[in-house]
PDB file of N, CA and C in Angstrom:
ATOM      1  N   MET A   1     -14.384 -27.383 -17.500  1.00  0.00           N
ATOM      2  CA  MET A   1     -14.976 -27.773 -18.427  1.00  0.00           C
ATOM      3  C   MET A   1     -16.610 -27.361 -18.958  1.00  0.00           C
ATOM      4  N   ASP A   2     -16.785 -27.086 -20.038  1.00  0.00           N
ATOM      5  CA  ASP A   2     -18.193 -26.766 -20.244  1.00  0.00           C
ATOM      6  C   ASP A   2     -19.131 -28.174 -20.118  1.00  0.00           C
ATOM      7  N   ASN A   3     -19.530 -28.552 -19.429  1.00  0.00           N
ATOM      8  CA  ASN A   3     -20.431 -29.575 -19.243  1.00  0.00           C
ATOM      9  C   ASN A   3     -21.458 -30.059 -20.649  1.00  0.00           C
ATOM     10  N   GLN A   4     -22.098 -28.963 -21.010  1.00  0.00           N
ATOM     11  CA  GLN A   4     -22.922 -29.362 -21.955  1.00  0.00           C
ATOM     12  C   GLN A   4     -22.363 -29.337 -23.468  1.00  0.00           C
ATOM     13  N   ALA A   5     -21.157 -28.702 -23.498  1.00  0.00           N
ATOM     14  CA  ALA A   5     -20.298 -28.866 -24.851  1.00  0.00           C
ATOM     15  C   ALA A   5     -19.945 -30.255 -24.381  1.00  0.00           C
ATOM     16  N   ASP A   6     -19.187 -30.860 -23.552  1.00  0.00           N
ATOM     17  CA  ASP A   6     -18.545 -31.913 -23.595  1.00  0.00           C
ATOM     18  C   ASP A   6     -19.699 -33.223 -23.606  1.00  0.00           C
ATOM     19  N   MET A   7     -20.683 -33.172 -23.265  1.00  0.00           N
ATOM     20  CA  MET A   7     -21.650 -34.160 -23.362  1.00  0.00           C
ATOM     21  C   MET A   7     -22.258 -34.156 -24.759  1.00  0.00           C
ATOM     22  N   SER A   8     -22.631 -32.729 -25.823  1.00  0.00           N
ATOM     23  CA  SER A   8     -22.957 -32.865 -26.520  1.00  0.00           C
ATOM     24  C   SER A   8     -22.006 -33.393 -27.591  1.00  0.00           C
ATOM     25  N   TRP A   9     -20.436 -33.392 -27.117  1.00  0.00           N
ATOM     26  CA  TRP A   9     -19.880 -34.023 -28.286  1.00  0.00           C
ATOM     27  C   TRP A   9     -19.637 -35.223 -28.018  1.00  0.00           C
ATOM     28  N   PHE A  10     -19.745 -35.825 -27.157  1.00  0.00           N
ATOM     29  CA  PHE A  10     -19.857 -37.287 -26.717  1.00  0.00           C
ATOM     30  C   PHE A  10     -20.640 -37.871 -27.357  1.00  0.00           C
ATOM     31  N   GLY A  11     -22.177 -37.196 -27.571  1.00  0.00           N
ATOM     32  CA  GLY A  11     -23.243 -37.534 -28.189  1.00  0.00           C
ATOM     33  C   GLY A  11     -22.954 -37.631 -29.637  1.00  0.00           C
ATOM     34  N   HIS A  12     -21.999 -36.703 -30.106  1.00  0.00           N
ATOM     35  CA  HIS A  12     -21.907 -36.848 -31.922  1.00  0.00           C
ATOM     36  C   HIS A  12     -20.878 -37.983 -31.992  1.00  0.00           C
ATOM     37  N   VAL A  13     -19.887 -37.975 -31.288  1.00  0.00           N
ATOM     38  CA  VAL A  13     -18.805 -39.320 -31.334  1.00  0.00           C
ATOM     39  C   VAL A  13     -19.572 -40.581 -31.488  1.00  0.00           C
ATOM     40  N   GLU A  14     -20.140 -40.623 -30.184  1.00  0.00           N
ATOM     41  CA  GLU A  14     -20.883 -42.018 -30.165  1.00  0.00           C
ATOM     42  C   GLU A  14     -21.749 -42.774 -31.415  1.00  0.00           C
ATOM     43  N   HIS A  15     -22.442 -41.423 -32.113  1.00  0.00           N
ATOM     44  CA  HIS A  15     -23.165 -42.048 -33.440  1.00  0.00           C
ATOM     45  C   HIS A  15     -22.108 -42.621 -34.414  1.00  0.00           C
ATOM     46  N   LYS A  16     -20.916 -42.309 -34.390  1.00  0.00           N
ATOM     47  CA  LYS A  16     -19.999 -42.315 -35.715  1.00  0.00           C
ATOM     48  C   LYS A  16     -19.667 -43.767 -35.776  1.00  0.00           C
ATOM     49  N   ASP A  17     -19.318 -44.043 -36.703  1.00  0.00           N
ATOM     50  CA  ASP A  17     -18.767 -45.700 -37.103  1.00  0.00           C
ATOM     51  C   ASP A  17     -17.590 -46.045 -35.907  1.00  0.00           C
ATOM     52  N   ASN A  18     -17.268 -47.473 -35.482  1.00  0.00           N
ATOM     53  CA  ASN A  18     -16.614 -47.568 -34.312  1.00  0.00           C
ATOM     54  C   ASN A  18     -14.771 -47.533 -35.456  1.00  0.00           C
ATOM     55  N   ILE A  19     -14.751 -47.487 -36.751  1.00  0.00           N
ATOM     56  CA  ILE A  19     -13.779 -47.346 -37.588  1.00  0.00           C
ATOM     57  C   ILE A  19     -13.197 -45.828 -37.745  1.00  0.00           C
ATOM     58  N   ASN A  20     -14.302 -44.759 -37.216  1.00  0.00           N
ATOM     59  CA  ASN A  20     -14.078 -43.664 -37.370  1.00  0.00           C
ATOM     60  C   ASN A  20     -12.693 -43.139 -36.519  1.00  0.00           C
ATOM     61  N   TRP A  21     -12.057 -42.042 -36.782  1.00  0.00           N
ATOM     62  CA  TRP A  21     -10.687 -41.850 -36.228  1.00  0.00           C
ATOM     63  C   TRP A  21     -10.655 -41.095 -34.986  1.00  0.00           C
ATOM     64  N   VAL A  22     -11.706 -40.345 -35.251  1.00  0.00           N
ATOM     65  CA  VAL A  22     -12.503 -39.577 -33.618  1.00  0.00           C
ATOM     66  C   VAL A  22     -12.734 -40.452 -32.832  1.00  0.00           C
ATOM     67  N   LYS A  23     -13.932 -41.604 -33.212  1.00  0.00           N
ATOM     68  CA  LYS A  23     -14.372 -42.480 -31.874  1.00  0.00           C
ATOM     69  C   LYS A  23     -12.909 -43.406 -31.581  1.00  0.00           C
ATOM     70  N   ARG A  24     -12.169 -43.670 -32.408  1.00  0.00           N
ATOM     71  CA  ARG A  24     -11.080 -44.747 -31.798  1.00  0.00           C
ATOM     72  C   ARG A  24     -10.169 -43.805 -31.072  1.00  0.00           C
ATOM     73  N   CYS A  25      -9.799 -42.351 -31.268  1.00  0.00           N
ATOM     74  CA  CYS A  25      -9.345 -41.825 -30.217  1.00  0.00           C
ATOM     75  C   CYS A  25     -10.086 -41.461 -28.890  1.00  0.00           C
ATOM     76  N   THR A  26     -11.044 -41.775 -28.626  1.00  0.00           N
ATOM     77  CA  THR A  26     -11.683 -41.614 -27.144  1.00  0.00           C
ATOM     78  C   THR A  26     -10.969 -42.473 -26.439  1.00  0.00           C
ATOM     79  N   THR A  27     -10.973 -43.514 -26.912  1.00  0.00           N
ATOM     80  CA  THR A  27     -10.194 -45.005 -26.069  1.00  0.00           C
ATOM     81  C   THR A  27      -9.102 -45.047 -25.986  1.00  0.00           C
ATOM     82  N   LEU A  28      -8.351 -44.285 -26.735  1.00  0.00           N
ATOM     83  CA  LEU A  28      -6.763 -44.243 -27.151  1.00  0.00           C
ATOM     84  C   LEU A  28      -5.909 -44.587 -25.853  1.00  0.00           C
ATOM     85  N   GLU A  29      -5.068 -45.427 -25.386  1.00  0.00           N
ATOM     86  CA  GLU A  29      -4.040 -45.277 -24.312  1.00  0.00           C
ATOM     87  C   GLU A  29      -2.933 -44.825 -24.798  1.00  0.00           C
ATOM     88  N   VAL A  30      -2.306 -44.026 -23.858  1.00  0.00           N
ATOM     89  CA  VAL A  30      -1.094 -43.373 -24.333  1.00  0.00           C
ATOM     90  C   VAL A  30      -0.189 -44.381 -23.514  1.00  0.00           C
ATOM     91  N   GLU A  31       0.833 -44.583 -24.275  1.00  0.00           N
ATOM     92  CA  GLU A  31       1.909 -45.250 -23.426  1.00  0.00           C
ATOM     93  C   GLU A  31       3.128 -44.512 -23.040  1.00  0.00           C
ATOM     94  N   GLY A  32       3.935 -45.110 -21.912  1.00  0.00           N
ATOM     95  CA  GLY A  32       4.982 -44.239 -21.345  1.00  0.00           C
ATOM     96  C   GLY A  32       4.593 -44.347 -19.607  1.00  0.00           C
ATOM     97  N   ILE A  33       5.807 -43.798 -18.918  1.00  0.00           N
ATOM     98  CA  ILE A  33       5.741 -43.629 -17.638  1.00  0.00           C
ATOM     99  C   ILE A  33       5.027 -42.458 -17.459  1.00  0.00           C
ATOM    100  N   ARG A  34       4.083 -42.404 -16.424  1.00  0.00           N
ATOM    101  CA  ARG A  34       3.218 -41.442 -15.539  1.00  0.00           C
ATOM    102  C   ARG A  34       4.530 -40.788 -14.598  1.00  0.00           C
ATOM    103  N   GLN A  35       4.253 -39.805 -14.253  1.00  0.00           N
ATOM    104  CA  GLN A  35       5.046 -39.031 -13.276  1.00  0.00           C
ATOM    105  C   GLN A  35       4.344 -39.256 -12.070  1.00  0.00           C
ATOM    106  N   ARG A  36       4.913 -38.559 -10.970  1.00  0.00           N
ATOM    107  CA  ARG A  36       4.726 -39.076  -9.493  1.00  0.00           C
ATOM    108  C   ARG A  36       3.289 -38.547  -9.227  1.00  0.00           C
ATOM    109  N   GLY A  37       2.199 -38.739  -8.428  1.00  0.00           N
ATOM    110  CA  GLY A  37       0.941 -38.163  -7.913  1.00  0.00           C
ATOM    111  C   GLY A  37      -0.163 -38.408  -8.653  1.00  0.00           C
ATOM    112  N   ARG A  38      -1.343 -37.977  -8.573  1.00  0.00           N
ATOM    113  CA  ARG A  38      -2.393 -38.009  -9.283  1.00  0.00           C
ATOM    114  C   ARG A  38      -2.411 -37.892 -10.769  1.00  0.00           C
ATOM    115  N   PRO A  39      -2.849 -38.765 -11.179  1.00  0.00           N
ATOM    116  CA  PRO A  39      -2.760 -38.403 -12.743  1.00  0.00           C
ATOM    117  C   PRO A  39      -3.724 -37.575 -13.251  1.00  0.00           C
ATOM    118  N   ASN A  40      -3.772 -36.875 -14.299  1.00  0.00           N
ATOM    119  CA  ASN A  40      -4.459 -35.935 -14.631  1.00  0.00           C
ATOM    120  C   ASN A  40      -5.612 -36.349 -14.932  1.00  0.00           C
ATOM    121  N   LYS A  41      -6.726 -36.008 -14.780  1.00  0.00           N
ATOM    122  CA  LYS A  41      -8.302 -36.116 -15.338  1.00  0.00           C
ATOM    123  C   LYS A  41      -8.422 -35.981 -16.984  1.00  0.00           C
ATOM    124  N   THR A  42      -8.660 -37.067 -17.726  1.00  0.00           N
ATOM    125  CA  THR A  42      -8.909 -37.003 -18.910  1.00  0.00           C
ATOM    126  C   THR A  42     -10.414 -36.220 -19.357  1.00  0.00           C
ATOM    127  N   TRP A  43     -10.418 -35.997 -20.678  1.00  0.00           N
ATOM    128  CA  TRP A  43     -11.871 -35.721 -21.161  1.00  0.00           C
ATOM    129  C   TRP A  43     -12.821 -36.722 -21.016  1.00  0.00           C
ATOM    130  N   TRP A  44     -12.444 -38.147 -21.265  1.00  0.00           N
ATOM    131  CA  TRP A  44     -13.237 -39.249 -21.007  1.00  0.00           C
ATOM    132  C   TRP A  44     -13.726 -39.430 -19.305  1.00  0.00           C
ATOM    133  N   ASP A  45     -12.765 -39.366 -18.789  1.00  0.00           N
ATOM    134  CA  ASP A  45     -13.234 -39.040 -16.800  1.00  0.00           C
ATOM    135  C   ASP A  45     -14.247 -38.156 -16.539  1.00  0.00           C
ATOM    136  N   CYS A  46     -14.034 -36.866 -17.290  1.00  0.00           N
ATOM    137  CA  CYS A  46     -14.947 -35.719 -17.176  1.00  0.00           C
ATOM    138  C   CYS A  46     -16.384 -36.345 -17.574  1.00  0.00           C
ATOM    139  N   VAL A  47     -16.487 -37.126 -18.744  1.00  0.00           N
ATOM    140  CA  VAL A  47     -17.588 -37.410 -19.352  1.00  0.00           C
ATOM    141  C   VAL A  47     -18.672 -38.200 -18.734  1.00  0.00           C
ATOM    142  N   LYS A  48     -17.739 -39.345 -18.101  1.00  0.00           N
ATOM    143  CA  LYS A  48     -18.303 -40.270 -17.384  1.00  0.00           C
ATOM    144  C   LYS A  48     -18.906 -39.784 -16.279  1.00  0.00           C
ATOM    145  N   ASP A  49     -18.293 -38.533 -15.451  1.00  0.00           N
ATOM    146  CA  ASP A  49     -18.585 -38.286 -14.315  1.00  0.00           C
ATOM    147  C   ASP A  49     -20.054 -37.181 -14.222  1.00  0.00           C
ATOM    148  N   ASP A  50     -19.939 -36.674 -15.650  1.00  0.00           N
ATOM    149  CA  ASP A  50     -21.013 -35.950 -15.743  1.00  0.00           C
ATOM    150  C   ASP A  50     -22.393 -36.697 -16.314  1.00  0.00           C
ATOM    151  N   MET A  51     -21.852 -37.738 -17.079  1.00  0.00           N
ATOM    152  CA  MET A  51     -23.112 -38.669 -17.133  1.00  0.00           C
ATOM    153  C   MET A  51     -23.516 -39.194 -15.925  1.00  0.00           C
ATOM    154  N   LYS A  52     -23.047 -39.548 -15.275  1.00  0.00           N
ATOM    155  CA  LYS A  52     -23.527 -40.075 -13.856  1.00  0.00           C
ATOM    156  C   LYS A  52     -24.032 -39.351 -13.020  1.00  0.00           C
ATOM    157  N   SER A  53     -23.637 -37.923 -13.151  1.00  0.00           N
ATOM    158  CA  SER A  53     -24.309 -37.118 -12.314  1.00  0.00           C
ATOM    159  C   SER A  53     -25.497 -36.678 -12.857  1.00  0.00           C
ATOM    160  N   ILE A  54     -25.756 -36.588 -14.195  1.00  0.00           N
ATOM    161  CA  ILE A  54     -26.882 -36.542 -14.821  1.00  0.00           C
ATOM    162  C   ILE A  54     -28.023 -37.773 -14.633  1.00  0.00           C
ATOM    163  N   GLY A  55     -27.337 -39.061 -14.815  1.00  0.00           N
ATOM    164  CA  GLY A  55     -28.181 -40.154 -14.728  1.00  0.00           C
ATOM    165  C   GLY A  55     -28.454 -41.103 -15.894  1.00  0.00           C
ATOM    166  N   LEU A  56     -27.143 -40.357 -16.786  1.00  0.00           N
ATOM    167  CA  LEU A  56     -27.272 -40.860 -18.249  1.00  0.00           C
ATOM    168  C   LEU A  56     -26.231 -41.920 -18.179  1.00  0.00           C
ATOM    169  N   SER A  57     -26.394 -43.030 -19.407  1.00  0.00           N
ATOM    170  CA  SER A  57     -25.357 -44.091 -19.758  1.00  0.00           C
ATOM    171  C   SER A  57     -25.283 -44.084 -21.367  1.00  0.00           C
ATOM    172  N   GLU A  58     -23.997 -44.692 -21.588  1.00  0.00           N
ATOM    173  CA  GLU A  58     -23.768 -44.708 -23.014  1.00  0.00           C
ATOM    174  C   GLU A  58     -24.561 -44.981 -23.943  1.00  0.00           C
ATOM    175  N   LYS A  59     -25.739 -45.795 -23.711  1.00  0.00           N
ATOM    176  CA  LYS A  59     -26.661 -46.566 -24.538  1.00  0.00           C
ATOM    177  C   LYS A  59     -27.620 -45.280 -24.817  1.00  0.00           C
ATOM    178  N   ASP A  60     -27.517 -44.341 -23.831  1.00  0.00           N
ATOM    179  CA  ASP A  60     -28.763 -43.211 -23.619  1.00  0.00           C
ATOM    180  C   ASP A  60     -28.489 -42.446 -25.094  1.00  0.00           C
ATOM    181  N   THR A  61     -27.540 -42.240 -25.641  1.00  0.00           N
ATOM    182  CA  THR A  61     -26.892 -41.408 -26.674  1.00  0.00           C
ATOM    183  C   THR A  61     -27.611 -42.112 -28.015  1.00  0.00           C
ATOM    184  N   GLN A  62     -28.343 -43.197 -28.210  1.00  0.00           N
ATOM    185  CA  GLN A  62     -28.823 -43.523 -29.268  1.00  0.00           C
ATOM    186  C   GLN A  62     -30.334 -43.096 -29.566  1.00  0.00           C
ATOM    187  N   LEU A  63     -30.540 -42.562 -28.472  1.00  0.00           N
ATOM    188  CA  LEU A  63     -31.891 -41.735 -28.503  1.00  0.00           C
ATOM    189  C   LEU A  63     -31.749 -40.277 -28.465  1.00  0.00           C
ATOM    190  N   ARG A  64     -31.339 -39.506 -29.705  1.00  0.00           N
ATOM    191  CA  ARG A  64     -31.045 -38.442 -29.787  1.00  0.00           C
ATOM    192  C   ARG A  64     -31.558 -37.400 -28.882  1.00  0.00           C
ATOM    193  N   ASN A  65     -32.918 -37.366 -29.176  1.00  0.00           N
ATOM    194  CA  ASN A  65     -33.846 -36.075 -28.469  1.00  0.00           C
ATOM    195  C   ASN A  65     -33.799 -36.267 -27.253  1.00  0.00           C
ATOM    196  N   ASN A  66     -33.912 -37.489 -26.838  1.00  0.00           N
ATOM    197  CA  ASN A  66     -33.798 -37.472 -25.521  1.00  0.00           C
ATOM    198  C   ASN A  66     -32.455 -37.344 -24.576  1.00  0.00           C
ATOM    199  N   TRP A  67     -31.470 -37.591 -25.593  1.00  0.00           N
ATOM    200  CA  TRP A  67     -29.815 -37.179 -25.116  1.00  0.00           C
ATOM    201  C   TRP A  67     -29.824 -35.585 -24.816  1.00  0.00           C
ATOM    202  N   ARG A  68     -30.399 -34.958 -25.814  1.00  0.00           N
ATOM    203  CA  ARG A  68     -30.157 -33.659 -26.100  1.00  0.00           C
ATOM    204  C   ARG A  68     -31.323 -33.020 -24.942  1.00  0.00           C
ATOM    205  N   ARG A  69     -32.301 -33.342 -24.799  1.00  0.00           N
ATOM    206  CA  ARG A  69     -33.362 -32.918 -23.747  1.00  0.00           C
ATOM    207  C   ARG A  69     -32.742 -32.979 -22.475  1.00  0.00           C
ATOM    208  N   ARG A  70     -32.009 -33.968 -22.065  1.00  0.00           N
ATOM    209  CA  ARG A  70     -31.235 -34.023 -20.898  1.00  0.00           C
ATOM    210  C   ARG A  70     -30.165 -33.326 -20.470  1.00  0.00           C
ATOM    211  N   ILE A  71     -29.211 -32.968 -21.678  1.00  0.00           N
ATOM    212  CA  ILE A  71     -28.027 -32.476 -21.251  1.00  0.00           C
ATOM    213  C   ILE A  71     -28.361 -30.912 -20.974  1.00  0.00           C
ATOM    214  N   LYS A  72     -29.408 -30.327 -22.105  1.00  0.00           N
ATOM    215  CA  LYS A  72     -29.461 -28.938 -22.400  1.00  0.00           C
ATOM    216  C   LYS A  72     -30.329 -28.572 -20.923  1.00  0.00           C
ATOM    217  N   GLY A  73     -30.890 -29.694 -20.117  1.00  0.00           N
ATOM    218  CA  GLY A  73     -31.903 -29.298 -18.889  1.00  0.00           C
ATOM    219  C   GLY A  73     -30.828 -29.033 -17.917  1.00  0.00           C
ATOM    220  N   THR A  74     -29.257 -29.735 -17.940  1.00  0.00           N
ATOM    221  CA  THR A  74     -28.468 -29.590 -16.793  1.00  0.00           C
ATOM    222  C   THR A  74     -27.577 -28.410 -16.794  1.00  0.00           C
ATOM    223  N   THR A  75     -27.908 -27.399 -17.696  1.00  0.00           N
ATOM    224  CA  THR A  75     -27.120 -26.331 -17.921  1.00  0.00           C
ATOM    225  C   THR A  75     -28.301 -24.712 -17.605  1.00  0.00           C
ATOM    226  N   SER A  76     -29.677 -25.156 -17.903  1.00  0.00           N
ATOM    227  CA  SER A  76     -30.572 -24.257 -17.863  1.00  0.00           C
ATOM    228  C   SER A  76     -30.771 -23.641 -16.494  1.00  0.00           C
TER     229      SER A  76
END
């Protein structure tokens, strides 16, 4: 996955209202029985791993300039 693109998209989504369908989809739980073995890694899992490796949190998205600077600096 493209680390910078995922983090940029996440920053946009976090600024949306909680009633927005895109933001609601990020926490959507899919019902049903999983197959055996390790579950597939979700987009949200990748974003959390990326934020952890950069040292950012969800609260950091509120500081847009700082967020952009930090995520762009990871791929330079």
